[in-house]
Amino acid sequence: MFVFYIRIIENAMIVRGKYDLKIRWNQNLDKDFSQYNLYRSKTSDMFKKELVKKIFNLVDTTEILALDSVYFYQIGVEDVWGLESYSNTVEG
Protein backbone atom coordinates (compact mmCIF):
# COMPACT_ATOMS: atom_id res chain seq x y z
CA MET A 1 0.00 0.00 0.00
CA PHE A 2 1.36 3.40 -0.97
CA VAL A 3 0.65 6.49 1.10
CA PHE A 4 1.27 9.90 -0.42
CA TYR A 5 1.62 13.07 1.57
CA ILE A 6 1.43 16.59 0.27
CA ARG A 7 2.54 19.32 2.59
CA ILE A 8 -0.11 22.03 2.94
CA ILE A 9 1.19 25.43 1.94
CA GLU A 10 0.96 27.89 4.76
CA ASN A 11 1.18 31.63 4.96
CA ALA A 12 -0.17 32.57 1.55
CA MET A 13 -0.43 36.34 1.70
CA ILE A 14 -1.35 39.33 -0.43
CA VAL A 15 0.71 42.49 -0.88
CA ARG A 16 -1.24 45.26 -2.61
CA GLY A 17 0.60 47.66 -4.85
CA LYS A 18 -0.82 50.71 -6.56
CA TYR A 19 -1.69 48.83 -9.79
CA ASP A 20 -0.88 45.22 -9.04
CA LEU A 21 -1.35 42.44 -6.53
CA LYS A 22 1.53 40.28 -5.31
CA ILE A 23 0.81 36.84 -3.83
CA ARG A 24 3.53 35.12 -1.79
CA TRP A 25 3.66 31.69 -0.19
CA ASN A 26 6.09 29.25 1.42
CA GLN A 27 8.09 27.08 -0.95
CA ASN A 28 7.14 23.39 -1.05
CA LEU A 29 10.17 21.13 -0.48
CA ASP A 30 8.58 17.71 -1.09
CA LYS A 31 10.57 15.53 -3.50
CA ASP A 32 7.46 14.53 -5.47
CA PHE A 33 6.28 18.14 -5.87
CA SER A 34 5.33 18.96 -9.45
CA GLN A 35 3.79 22.44 -9.72
CA TYR A 36 1.87 25.26 -8.06
CA ASN A 37 -1.65 26.08 -9.25
CA LEU A 38 -3.01 29.57 -8.60
CA TYR A 39 -6.80 29.76 -8.24
CA ARG A 40 -9.26 32.60 -7.75
CA SER A 41 -12.92 32.87 -6.90
CA LYS A 42 -15.49 35.56 -6.22
CA THR A 43 -16.35 33.88 -2.88
CA SER A 44 -14.19 33.07 0.15
CA ASP A 45 -15.24 29.40 0.14
CA MET A 46 -13.58 29.12 -3.31
CA PHE A 47 -16.84 27.87 -4.85
CA LYS A 48 -16.53 27.85 -8.64
CA LYS A 49 -12.82 28.64 -8.39
CA GLU A 50 -10.98 29.13 -11.65
CA LEU A 51 -7.40 28.26 -12.47
CA VAL A 52 -5.48 31.49 -13.07
CA LYS A 53 -2.06 30.02 -13.74
CA LYS A 54 0.04 26.87 -13.48
CA ILE A 55 3.47 27.67 -12.08
CA PHE A 56 6.20 25.17 -12.95
CA ASN A 57 9.10 27.15 -11.47
CA LEU A 58 9.24 25.27 -8.18
CA VAL A 59 11.29 27.84 -6.27
CA ASP A 60 9.31 30.90 -7.39
CA THR A 61 6.82 31.64 -4.61
CA THR A 62 5.65 35.05 -5.78
CA GLU A 63 3.10 35.86 -8.45
CA ILE A 64 2.12 39.38 -9.57
CA LEU A 65 -1.37 39.97 -10.98
CA ALA A 66 -3.21 42.99 -12.34
CA LEU A 67 -5.36 44.65 -9.69
CA ASP A 68 -8.59 44.76 -11.72
CA SER A 69 -11.16 43.43 -9.25
CA VAL A 70 -11.42 41.89 -5.78
CA TYR A 71 -11.08 38.10 -5.72
CA PHE A 72 -10.19 35.39 -3.24
CA TYR A 73 -7.00 33.50 -4.07
CA GLN A 74 -5.64 30.10 -3.15
CA ILE A 75 -2.46 28.20 -4.07
CA GLY A 76 -2.61 24.50 -4.84
CA VAL A 77 0.42 22.23 -4.58
CA GLU A 78 0.27 19.35 -7.02
CA ASP A 79 2.52 16.30 -6.86
CA VAL A 80 3.70 14.07 -9.71
CA TRP A 81 0.67 11.79 -9.22
CA GLY A 82 -1.82 14.66 -9.60
CA LEU A 83 -2.77 14.85 -5.91
CA GLU A 84 -3.32 18.43 -4.76
CA SER A 85 -3.53 20.25 -1.44
CA TYR A 86 -4.44 23.88 -0.89
CA SER A 87 -3.24 26.93 1.01
CA ASN A 88 -5.33 29.24 3.08
CA THR A 89 -7.60 31.61 1.13
CA VAL A 90 -6.57 35.27 0.87
CA GLU A 91 -8.54 38.26 -0.39
CA GLY A 92 -7.02 40.68 -2.82
PDB file of N, CA and C in Angstrom:
ATOM      1  N   MET A   1       0.847  -1.180   0.000  1.00  0.00           N
ATOM      2  CA  MET A   1       0.000   0.000   0.000  1.00  0.00           C
ATOM      3  C   MET A   1       0.890   1.240   0.000  1.00  0.00           C
ATOM      4  N   PHE A   2       0.613   2.154  -0.894  1.00  0.00           N
ATOM      5  CA  PHE A   2       1.357   3.400  -0.973  1.00  0.00           C
ATOM      6  C   PHE A   2       0.575   4.504  -0.284  1.00  0.00           C
ATOM      7  N   VAL A   3       1.272   5.331   0.456  1.00  0.00           N
ATOM      8  CA  VAL A   3       0.652   6.488   1.097  1.00  0.00           C
ATOM      9  C   VAL A   3       1.397   7.717   0.602  1.00  0.00           C
ATOM     10  N   PHE A   4       0.670   8.686   0.105  1.00  0.00           N
ATOM     11  CA  PHE A   4       1.266   9.899  -0.423  1.00  0.00           C
ATOM     12  C   PHE A   4       0.897  11.077   0.468  1.00  0.00           C
ATOM     13  N   TYR A   5       1.857  11.885   0.756  1.00  0.00           N
ATOM     14  CA  TYR A   5       1.621  13.068   1.574  1.00  0.00           C
ATOM     15  C   TYR A   5       1.977  14.305   0.766  1.00  0.00           C
ATOM     16  N   ILE A   6       1.135  15.290   0.862  1.00  0.00           N
ATOM     17  CA  ILE A   6       1.427  16.592   0.266  1.00  0.00           C
ATOM     18  C   ILE A   6       1.414  17.594   1.404  1.00  0.00           C
ATOM     19  N   ARG A   7       2.482  18.313   1.549  1.00  0.00           N
ATOM     20  CA  ARG A   7       2.538  19.322   2.592  1.00  0.00           C
ATOM     21  C   ARG A   7       1.623  20.488   2.228  1.00  0.00           C
ATOM     22  N   ILE A   8       0.776  20.885   3.159  1.00  0.00           N
ATOM     23  CA  ILE A   8      -0.109  22.026   2.938  1.00  0.00           C
ATOM     24  C   ILE A   8       0.744  23.292   2.940  1.00  0.00           C
ATOM     25  N   ILE A   9       0.491  24.146   1.984  1.00  0.00           N
ATOM     26  CA  ILE A   9       1.187  25.432   1.944  1.00  0.00           C
ATOM     27  C   ILE A   9       0.592  26.314   3.030  1.00  0.00           C
ATOM     28  N   GLU A  10       1.440  26.973   3.740  1.00  0.00           N
ATOM     29  CA  GLU A  10       0.963  27.890   4.758  1.00  0.00           C
ATOM     30  C   GLU A  10       1.407  29.299   4.409  1.00  0.00           C
ATOM     31  N   ASN A  11       0.779  30.221   5.036  1.00  0.00           N
ATOM     32  CA  ASN A  11       1.176  31.626   4.961  1.00  0.00           C
ATOM     33  C   ASN A  11       1.060  32.247   3.577  1.00  0.00           C
ATOM     34  N   ALA A  12       0.080  31.835   2.791  1.00  0.00           N
ATOM     35  CA  ALA A  12      -0.173  32.570   1.553  1.00  0.00           C
ATOM     36  C   ALA A  12      -0.616  33.968   1.963  1.00  0.00           C
ATOM     37  N   MET A  13      -0.086  34.973   1.326  1.00  0.00           N
ATOM     38  CA  MET A  13      -0.433  36.342   1.703  1.00  0.00           C
ATOM     39  C   MET A  13      -0.467  37.248   0.492  1.00  0.00           C
ATOM     40  N   ILE A  14      -1.177  38.345   0.635  1.00  0.00           N
ATOM     41  CA  ILE A  14      -1.351  39.334  -0.427  1.00  0.00           C
ATOM     42  C   ILE A  14      -0.582  40.599  -0.054  1.00  0.00           C
ATOM     43  N   VAL A  15       0.088  41.178  -1.031  1.00  0.00           N
ATOM     44  CA  VAL A  15       0.708  42.491  -0.881  1.00  0.00           C
ATOM     45  C   VAL A  15       0.137  43.364  -1.986  1.00  0.00           C
ATOM     46  N   ARG A  16      -0.608  44.397  -1.612  1.00  0.00           N
ATOM     47  CA  ARG A  16      -1.243  45.256  -2.607  1.00  0.00           C
ATOM     48  C   ARG A  16      -0.307  46.387  -3.020  1.00  0.00           C
ATOM     49  N   GLY A  17      -0.129  46.528  -4.312  1.00  0.00           N
ATOM     50  CA  GLY A  17       0.604  47.656  -4.854  1.00  0.00           C
ATOM     51  C   GLY A  17      -0.399  48.671  -5.390  1.00  0.00           C
ATOM     52  N   LYS A  18       0.083  49.699  -6.026  1.00  0.00           N
ATOM     53  CA  LYS A  18      -0.820  50.711  -6.562  1.00  0.00           C
ATOM     54  C   LYS A  18      -1.634  50.158  -7.732  1.00  0.00           C
ATOM     55  N   TYR A  19      -1.010  49.359  -8.601  1.00  0.00           N
ATOM     56  CA  TYR A  19      -1.691  48.835  -9.786  1.00  0.00           C
ATOM     57  C   TYR A  19      -1.617  47.321  -9.908  1.00  0.00           C
ATOM     58  N   ASP A  20      -1.002  46.667  -8.932  1.00  0.00           N
ATOM     59  CA  ASP A  20      -0.878  45.220  -9.038  1.00  0.00           C
ATOM     60  C   ASP A  20      -1.048  44.552  -7.675  1.00  0.00           C
ATOM     61  N   LEU A  21      -1.118  43.250  -7.708  1.00  0.00           N
ATOM     62  CA  LEU A  21      -1.352  42.439  -6.533  1.00  0.00           C
ATOM     63  C   LEU A  21      -0.283  41.359  -6.509  1.00  0.00           C
ATOM     64  N   LYS A  22       0.463  41.266  -5.414  1.00  0.00           N
ATOM     65  CA  LYS A  22       1.531  40.279  -5.307  1.00  0.00           C
ATOM     66  C   LYS A  22       1.094  39.211  -4.299  1.00  0.00           C
ATOM     67  N   ILE A  23       1.142  37.958  -4.699  1.00  0.00           N
ATOM     68  CA  ILE A  23       0.811  36.841  -3.831  1.00  0.00           C
ATOM     69  C   ILE A  23       2.088  36.091  -3.517  1.00  0.00           C
ATOM     70  N   ARG A  24       2.334  35.848  -2.225  1.00  0.00           N
ATOM     71  CA  ARG A  24       3.531  35.123  -1.791  1.00  0.00           C
ATOM     72  C   ARG A  24       3.119  33.931  -0.953  1.00  0.00           C
ATOM     73  N   TRP A  25       3.925  32.876  -0.994  1.00  0.00           N
ATOM     74  CA  TRP A  25       3.661  31.685  -0.186  1.00  0.00           C
ATOM     75  C   TRP A  25       4.963  30.981   0.114  1.00  0.00           C
ATOM     76  N   ASN A  26       4.910  30.053   1.053  1.00  0.00           N
ATOM     77  CA  ASN A  26       6.091  29.252   1.417  1.00  0.00           C
ATOM     78  C   ASN A  26       6.391  28.246   0.321  1.00  0.00           C
ATOM     79  N   GLN A  27       7.662  28.044   0.057  1.00  0.00           N
ATOM     80  CA  GLN A  27       8.087  27.078  -0.954  1.00  0.00           C
ATOM     81  C   GLN A  27       7.811  25.655  -0.467  1.00  0.00           C
ATOM     82  N   ASN A  28       7.345  24.800  -1.355  1.00  0.00           N
ATOM     83  CA  ASN A  28       7.140  23.391  -1.047  1.00  0.00           C
ATOM     84  C   ASN A  28       8.441  22.645  -1.312  1.00  0.00           C
ATOM     85  N   LEU A  29       8.881  21.831  -0.362  1.00  0.00           N
ATOM     86  CA  LEU A  29      10.167  21.135  -0.480  1.00  0.00           C
ATOM     87  C   LEU A  29      10.016  19.628  -0.682  1.00  0.00           C
ATOM     88  N   ASP A  30       8.789  19.142  -0.885  1.00  0.00           N
ATOM     89  CA  ASP A  30       8.576  17.713  -1.087  1.00  0.00           C
ATOM     90  C   ASP A  30       9.256  17.247  -2.373  1.00  0.00           C
ATOM     91  N   LYS A  31       9.842  16.051  -2.344  1.00  0.00           N
ATOM     92  CA  LYS A  31      10.573  15.534  -3.504  1.00  0.00           C
ATOM     93  C   LYS A  31       9.665  15.187  -4.676  1.00  0.00           C
ATOM     94  N   ASP A  32       8.394  14.894  -4.394  1.00  0.00           N
ATOM     95  CA  ASP A  32       7.464  14.531  -5.470  1.00  0.00           C
ATOM     96  C   ASP A  32       6.612  15.712  -5.929  1.00  0.00           C
ATOM     97  N   PHE A  33       7.000  16.913  -5.522  1.00  0.00           N
ATOM     98  CA  PHE A  33       6.281  18.136  -5.875  1.00  0.00           C
ATOM     99  C   PHE A  33       6.437  18.414  -7.364  1.00  0.00           C
ATOM    100  N   SER A  34       5.333  18.764  -8.009  1.00  0.00           N
ATOM    101  CA  SER A  34       5.335  18.963  -9.454  1.00  0.00           C
ATOM    102  C   SER A  34       5.131  20.413  -9.870  1.00  0.00           C
ATOM    103  N   GLN A  35       4.110  21.074  -9.287  1.00  0.00           N
ATOM    104  CA  GLN A  35       3.791  22.443  -9.715  1.00  0.00           C
ATOM    105  C   GLN A  35       2.893  23.128  -8.696  1.00  0.00           C
ATOM    106  N   TYR A  36       2.840  24.463  -8.797  1.00  0.00           N
ATOM    107  CA  TYR A  36       1.871  25.260  -8.057  1.00  0.00           C
ATOM    108  C   TYR A  36       0.724  25.580  -9.007  1.00  0.00           C
ATOM    109  N   ASN A  37      -0.489  25.627  -8.486  1.00  0.00           N
ATOM    110  CA  ASN A  37      -1.654  26.076  -9.252  1.00  0.00           C
ATOM    111  C   ASN A  37      -2.264  27.256  -8.512  1.00  0.00           C
ATOM    112  N   LEU A  38      -2.435  28.370  -9.200  1.00  0.00           N
ATOM    113  CA  LEU A  38      -3.014  29.565  -8.605  1.00  0.00           C
ATOM    114  C   LEU A  38      -4.475  29.643  -9.007  1.00  0.00           C
ATOM    115  N   TYR A  39      -5.366  29.705  -8.003  1.00  0.00           N
ATOM    116  CA  TYR A  39      -6.804  29.759  -8.244  1.00  0.00           C
ATOM    117  C   TYR A  39      -7.373  31.067  -7.732  1.00  0.00           C
ATOM    118  N   ARG A  40      -8.535  31.449  -8.285  1.00  0.00           N
ATOM    119  CA  ARG A  40      -9.257  32.599  -7.749  1.00  0.00           C
ATOM    120  C   ARG A  40     -10.757  32.312  -7.816  1.00  0.00           C
ATOM    121  N   SER A  41     -11.484  33.034  -6.970  1.00  0.00           N
ATOM    122  CA  SER A  41     -12.925  32.871  -6.903  1.00  0.00           C
ATOM    123  C   SER A  41     -13.530  34.188  -6.441  1.00  0.00           C
ATOM    124  N   LYS A  42     -14.789  34.360  -6.694  1.00  0.00           N
ATOM    125  CA  LYS A  42     -15.494  35.562  -6.216  1.00  0.00           C
ATOM    126  C   LYS A  42     -15.973  35.381  -4.781  1.00  0.00           C
ATOM    127  N   THR A  43     -15.896  34.147  -4.240  1.00  0.00           N
ATOM    128  CA  THR A  43     -16.353  33.883  -2.881  1.00  0.00           C
ATOM    129  C   THR A  43     -15.229  33.276  -2.042  1.00  0.00           C
ATOM    130  N   SER A  44     -15.263  33.520  -0.734  1.00  0.00           N
ATOM    131  CA  SER A  44     -14.187  33.072   0.149  1.00  0.00           C
ATOM    132  C   SER A  44     -14.153  31.553   0.327  1.00  0.00           C
ATOM    133  N   ASP A  45     -15.251  30.859   0.032  1.00  0.00           N
ATOM    134  CA  ASP A  45     -15.240  29.398   0.135  1.00  0.00           C
ATOM    135  C   ASP A  45     -14.666  28.741  -1.115  1.00  0.00           C
ATOM    136  N   MET A  46     -14.203  29.561  -2.055  1.00  0.00           N
ATOM    137  CA  MET A  46     -13.576  29.124  -3.312  1.00  0.00           C
ATOM    138  C   MET A  46     -14.531  28.301  -4.185  1.00  0.00           C
ATOM    139  N   PHE A  47     -15.839  28.513  -4.005  1.00  0.00           N
ATOM    140  CA  PHE A  47     -16.835  27.868  -4.845  1.00  0.00           C
ATOM    141  C   PHE A  47     -16.678  28.392  -6.269  1.00  0.00           C
ATOM    142  N   LYS A  48     -16.716  27.508  -7.222  1.00  0.00           N
ATOM    143  CA  LYS A  48     -16.527  27.850  -8.638  1.00  0.00           C
ATOM    144  C   LYS A  48     -15.186  28.533  -8.881  1.00  0.00           C
ATOM    145  N   LYS A  49     -14.148  28.054  -8.195  1.00  0.00           N
ATOM    146  CA  LYS A  49     -12.818  28.640  -8.393  1.00  0.00           C
ATOM    147  C   LYS A  49     -12.344  28.368  -9.813  1.00  0.00           C
ATOM    148  N   GLU A  50     -11.539  29.286 -10.308  1.00  0.00           N
ATOM    149  CA  GLU A  50     -10.976  29.128 -11.649  1.00  0.00           C
ATOM    150  C   GLU A  50      -9.464  29.127 -11.557  1.00  0.00           C
ATOM    151  N   LEU A  51      -8.853  28.323 -12.403  1.00  0.00           N
ATOM    152  CA  LEU A  51      -7.398  28.260 -12.471  1.00  0.00           C
ATOM    153  C   LEU A  51      -6.890  29.505 -13.183  1.00  0.00           C
ATOM    154  N   VAL A  52      -6.057  30.275 -12.496  1.00  0.00           N
ATOM    155  CA  VAL A  52      -5.480  31.494 -13.070  1.00  0.00           C
ATOM    156  C   VAL A  52      -4.189  31.158 -13.801  1.00  0.00           C
ATOM    157  N   LYS A  53      -3.369  30.309 -13.166  1.00  0.00           N
ATOM    158  CA  LYS A  53      -2.063  30.021 -13.744  1.00  0.00           C
ATOM    159  C   LYS A  53      -1.470  28.767 -13.134  1.00  0.00           C
ATOM    160  N   LYS A  54      -0.779  27.980 -13.959  1.00  0.00           N
ATOM    161  CA  LYS A  54       0.044  26.869 -13.483  1.00  0.00           C
ATOM    162  C   LYS A  54       1.466  27.385 -13.411  1.00  0.00           C
ATOM    163  N   ILE A  55       2.128  27.153 -12.296  1.00  0.00           N
ATOM    164  CA  ILE A  55       3.471  27.669 -12.081  1.00  0.00           C
ATOM    165  C   ILE A  55       4.415  26.472 -11.946  1.00  0.00           C
ATOM    166  N   PHE A  56       5.294  26.315 -12.923  1.00  0.00           N
ATOM    167  CA  PHE A  56       6.199  25.173 -12.953  1.00  0.00           C
ATOM    168  C   PHE A  56       7.573  25.488 -12.371  1.00  0.00           C
ATOM    169  N   ASN A  57       7.853  26.761 -12.119  1.00  0.00           N
ATOM    170  CA  ASN A  57       9.103  27.151 -11.466  1.00  0.00           C
ATOM    171  C   ASN A  57       8.933  26.850  -9.976  1.00  0.00           C
ATOM    172  N   LEU A  58       9.518  25.782  -9.507  1.00  0.00           N
ATOM    173  CA  LEU A  58       9.239  25.273  -8.176  1.00  0.00           C
ATOM    174  C   LEU A  58       9.780  26.127  -7.043  1.00  0.00           C
ATOM    175  N   VAL A  59      10.744  26.991  -7.328  1.00  0.00           N
ATOM    176  CA  VAL A  59      11.291  27.841  -6.267  1.00  0.00           C
ATOM    177  C   VAL A  59      10.693  29.241  -6.277  1.00  0.00           C
ATOM    178  N   ASP A  60       9.941  29.582  -7.303  1.00  0.00           N
ATOM    179  CA  ASP A  60       9.308  30.896  -7.385  1.00  0.00           C
ATOM    180  C   ASP A  60       8.027  30.870  -6.561  1.00  0.00           C
ATOM    181  N   THR A  61       7.992  31.631  -5.485  1.00  0.00           N
ATOM    182  CA  THR A  61       6.822  31.642  -4.615  1.00  0.00           C
ATOM    183  C   THR A  61       6.184  33.031  -4.564  1.00  0.00           C
ATOM    184  N   THR A  62       6.276  33.739  -5.660  1.00  0.00           N
ATOM    185  CA  THR A  62       5.651  35.052  -5.777  1.00  0.00           C
ATOM    186  C   THR A  62       5.005  35.156  -7.147  1.00  0.00           C
ATOM    187  N   GLU A  63       3.789  35.646  -7.183  1.00  0.00           N
ATOM    188  CA  GLU A  63       3.098  35.864  -8.454  1.00  0.00           C
ATOM    189  C   GLU A  63       2.481  37.249  -8.420  1.00  0.00           C
ATOM    190  N   ILE A  64       2.659  38.026  -9.494  1.00  0.00           N
ATOM    191  CA  ILE A  64       2.118  39.382  -9.574  1.00  0.00           C
ATOM    192  C   ILE A  64       0.973  39.390 -10.583  1.00  0.00           C
ATOM    193  N   LEU A  65      -0.175  39.917 -10.145  1.00  0.00           N
ATOM    194  CA  LEU A  65      -1.373  39.966 -10.982  1.00  0.00           C
ATOM    195  C   LEU A  65      -1.862  41.398 -11.109  1.00  0.00           C
ATOM    196  N   ALA A  66      -2.597  41.678 -12.181  1.00  0.00           N
ATOM    197  CA  ALA A  66      -3.211  42.994 -12.343  1.00  0.00           C
ATOM    198  C   ALA A  66      -4.297  43.163 -11.283  1.00  0.00           C
ATOM    199  N   LEU A  67      -4.377  44.344 -10.720  1.00  0.00           N
ATOM    200  CA  LEU A  67      -5.364  44.647  -9.693  1.00  0.00           C
ATOM    201  C   LEU A  67      -6.602  45.216 -10.376  1.00  0.00           C
ATOM    202  N   ASP A  68      -7.434  44.319 -10.951  1.00  0.00           N
ATOM    203  CA  ASP A  68      -8.589  44.765 -11.724  1.00  0.00           C
ATOM    204  C   ASP A  68      -9.915  44.555 -11.016  1.00  0.00           C
ATOM    205  N   SER A  69      -9.936  43.736  -9.980  1.00  0.00           N
ATOM    206  CA  SER A  69     -11.160  43.428  -9.250  1.00  0.00           C
ATOM    207  C   SER A  69     -10.776  42.721  -7.961  1.00  0.00           C
ATOM    208  N   VAL A  70     -11.695  42.597  -7.034  1.00  0.00           N
ATOM    209  CA  VAL A  70     -11.421  41.887  -5.784  1.00  0.00           C
ATOM    210  C   VAL A  70     -11.811  40.428  -5.948  1.00  0.00           C
ATOM    211  N   TYR A  71     -10.862  39.536  -5.667  1.00  0.00           N
ATOM    212  CA  TYR A  71     -11.078  38.097  -5.718  1.00  0.00           C
ATOM    213  C   TYR A  71     -10.503  37.469  -4.463  1.00  0.00           C
ATOM    214  N   PHE A  72     -10.828  36.218  -4.266  1.00  0.00           N
ATOM    215  CA  PHE A  72     -10.189  35.394  -3.242  1.00  0.00           C
ATOM    216  C   PHE A  72      -9.244  34.458  -3.965  1.00  0.00           C
ATOM    217  N   TYR A  73      -8.032  34.295  -3.414  1.00  0.00           N
ATOM    218  CA  TYR A  73      -6.997  33.501  -4.071  1.00  0.00           C
ATOM    219  C   TYR A  73      -6.573  32.344  -3.183  1.00  0.00           C
ATOM    220  N   GLN A  74      -6.120  31.284  -3.841  1.00  0.00           N
ATOM    221  CA  GLN A  74      -5.644  30.099  -3.146  1.00  0.00           C
ATOM    222  C   GLN A  74      -4.569  29.446  -4.012  1.00  0.00           C
ATOM    223  N   ILE A  75      -3.531  28.908  -3.365  1.00  0.00           N
ATOM    224  CA  ILE A  75      -2.463  28.202  -4.066  1.00  0.00           C
ATOM    225  C   ILE A  75      -2.669  26.713  -3.854  1.00  0.00           C
ATOM    226  N   GLY A  76      -2.575  25.957  -4.938  1.00  0.00           N
ATOM    227  CA  GLY A  76      -2.612  24.499  -4.840  1.00  0.00           C
ATOM    228  C   GLY A  76      -1.223  23.956  -5.103  1.00  0.00           C
ATOM    229  N   VAL A  77      -0.837  22.931  -4.354  1.00  0.00           N
ATOM    230  CA  VAL A  77       0.424  22.229  -4.578  1.00  0.00           C
ATOM    231  C   VAL A  77       0.069  20.880  -5.163  1.00  0.00           C
ATOM    232  N   GLU A  78       0.573  20.609  -6.351  1.00  0.00           N
ATOM    233  CA  GLU A  78       0.270  19.347  -7.022  1.00  0.00           C
ATOM    234  C   GLU A  78       1.522  18.486  -7.091  1.00  0.00           C
ATOM    235  N   ASP A  79       1.373  17.196  -6.781  1.00  0.00           N
ATOM    236  CA  ASP A  79       2.525  16.302  -6.864  1.00  0.00           C
ATOM    237  C   ASP A  79       2.535  15.581  -8.213  1.00  0.00           C
ATOM    238  N   VAL A  80       3.523  14.741  -8.418  1.00  0.00           N
ATOM    239  CA  VAL A  80       3.697  14.073  -9.706  1.00  0.00           C
ATOM    240  C   VAL A  80       2.576  13.085 -10.020  1.00  0.00           C
ATOM    241  N   TRP A  81       1.791  12.705  -9.007  1.00  0.00           N
ATOM    242  CA  TRP A  81       0.671  11.791  -9.221  1.00  0.00           C
ATOM    243  C   TRP A  81      -0.649  12.538  -9.430  1.00  0.00           C
ATOM    244  N   GLY A  82      -0.613  13.876  -9.390  1.00  0.00           N
ATOM    245  CA  GLY A  82      -1.821  14.661  -9.597  1.00  0.00           C
ATOM    246  C   GLY A  82      -2.608  14.950  -8.341  1.00  0.00           C
ATOM    247  N   LEU A  83      -2.103  14.534  -7.173  1.00  0.00           N
ATOM    248  CA  LEU A  83      -2.772  14.851  -5.911  1.00  0.00           C
ATOM    249  C   LEU A  83      -2.486  16.311  -5.571  1.00  0.00           C
ATOM    250  N   GLU A  84      -3.475  17.001  -5.019  1.00  0.00           N
ATOM    251  CA  GLU A  84      -3.319  18.435  -4.761  1.00  0.00           C
ATOM    252  C   GLU A  84      -3.819  18.786  -3.376  1.00  0.00           C
ATOM    253  N   SER A  85      -3.086  19.672  -2.705  1.00  0.00           N
ATOM    254  CA  SER A  85      -3.534  20.248  -1.439  1.00  0.00           C
ATOM    255  C   SER A  85      -3.486  21.758  -1.579  1.00  0.00           C
ATOM    256  N   TYR A  86      -4.210  22.454  -0.697  1.00  0.00           N
ATOM    257  CA  TYR A  86      -4.441  23.883  -0.888  1.00  0.00           C
ATOM    258  C   TYR A  86      -3.987  24.720   0.293  1.00  0.00           C
ATOM    259  N   SER A  87      -3.628  25.948  -0.003  1.00  0.00           N
ATOM    260  CA  SER A  87      -3.243  26.927   1.014  1.00  0.00           C
ATOM    261  C   SER A  87      -4.493  27.523   1.639  1.00  0.00           C
ATOM    262  N   ASN A  88      -4.255  28.418   2.574  1.00  0.00           N
ATOM    263  CA  ASN A  88      -5.332  29.243   3.084  1.00  0.00           C
ATOM    264  C   ASN A  88      -5.837  30.142   1.947  1.00  0.00           C
ATOM    265  N   THR A  89      -7.014  30.692   2.104  1.00  0.00           N
ATOM    266  CA  THR A  89      -7.599  31.610   1.126  1.00  0.00           C
ATOM    267  C   THR A  89      -7.291  33.029   1.540  1.00  0.00           C
ATOM    268  N   VAL A  90      -6.865  33.868   0.592  1.00  0.00           N
ATOM    269  CA  VAL A  90      -6.569  35.266   0.871  1.00  0.00           C
ATOM    270  C   VAL A  90      -7.374  36.150  -0.073  1.00  0.00           C
ATOM    271  N   GLU A  91      -7.754  37.313   0.410  1.00  0.00           N
ATOM    272  CA  GLU A  91      -8.537  38.256  -0.385  1.00  0.00           C
ATOM    273  C   GLU A  91      -7.620  39.318  -0.962  1.00  0.00           C
ATOM    274  N   GLY A  92      -7.857  39.650  -2.207  1.00  0.00           N
ATOM    275  CA  GLY A  92      -7.024  40.682  -2.821  1.00  0.00           C
ATOM    276  C   GLY A  92      -7.691  41.316  -4.004  1.00  0.00           C
TER     277      GLY A  92
END
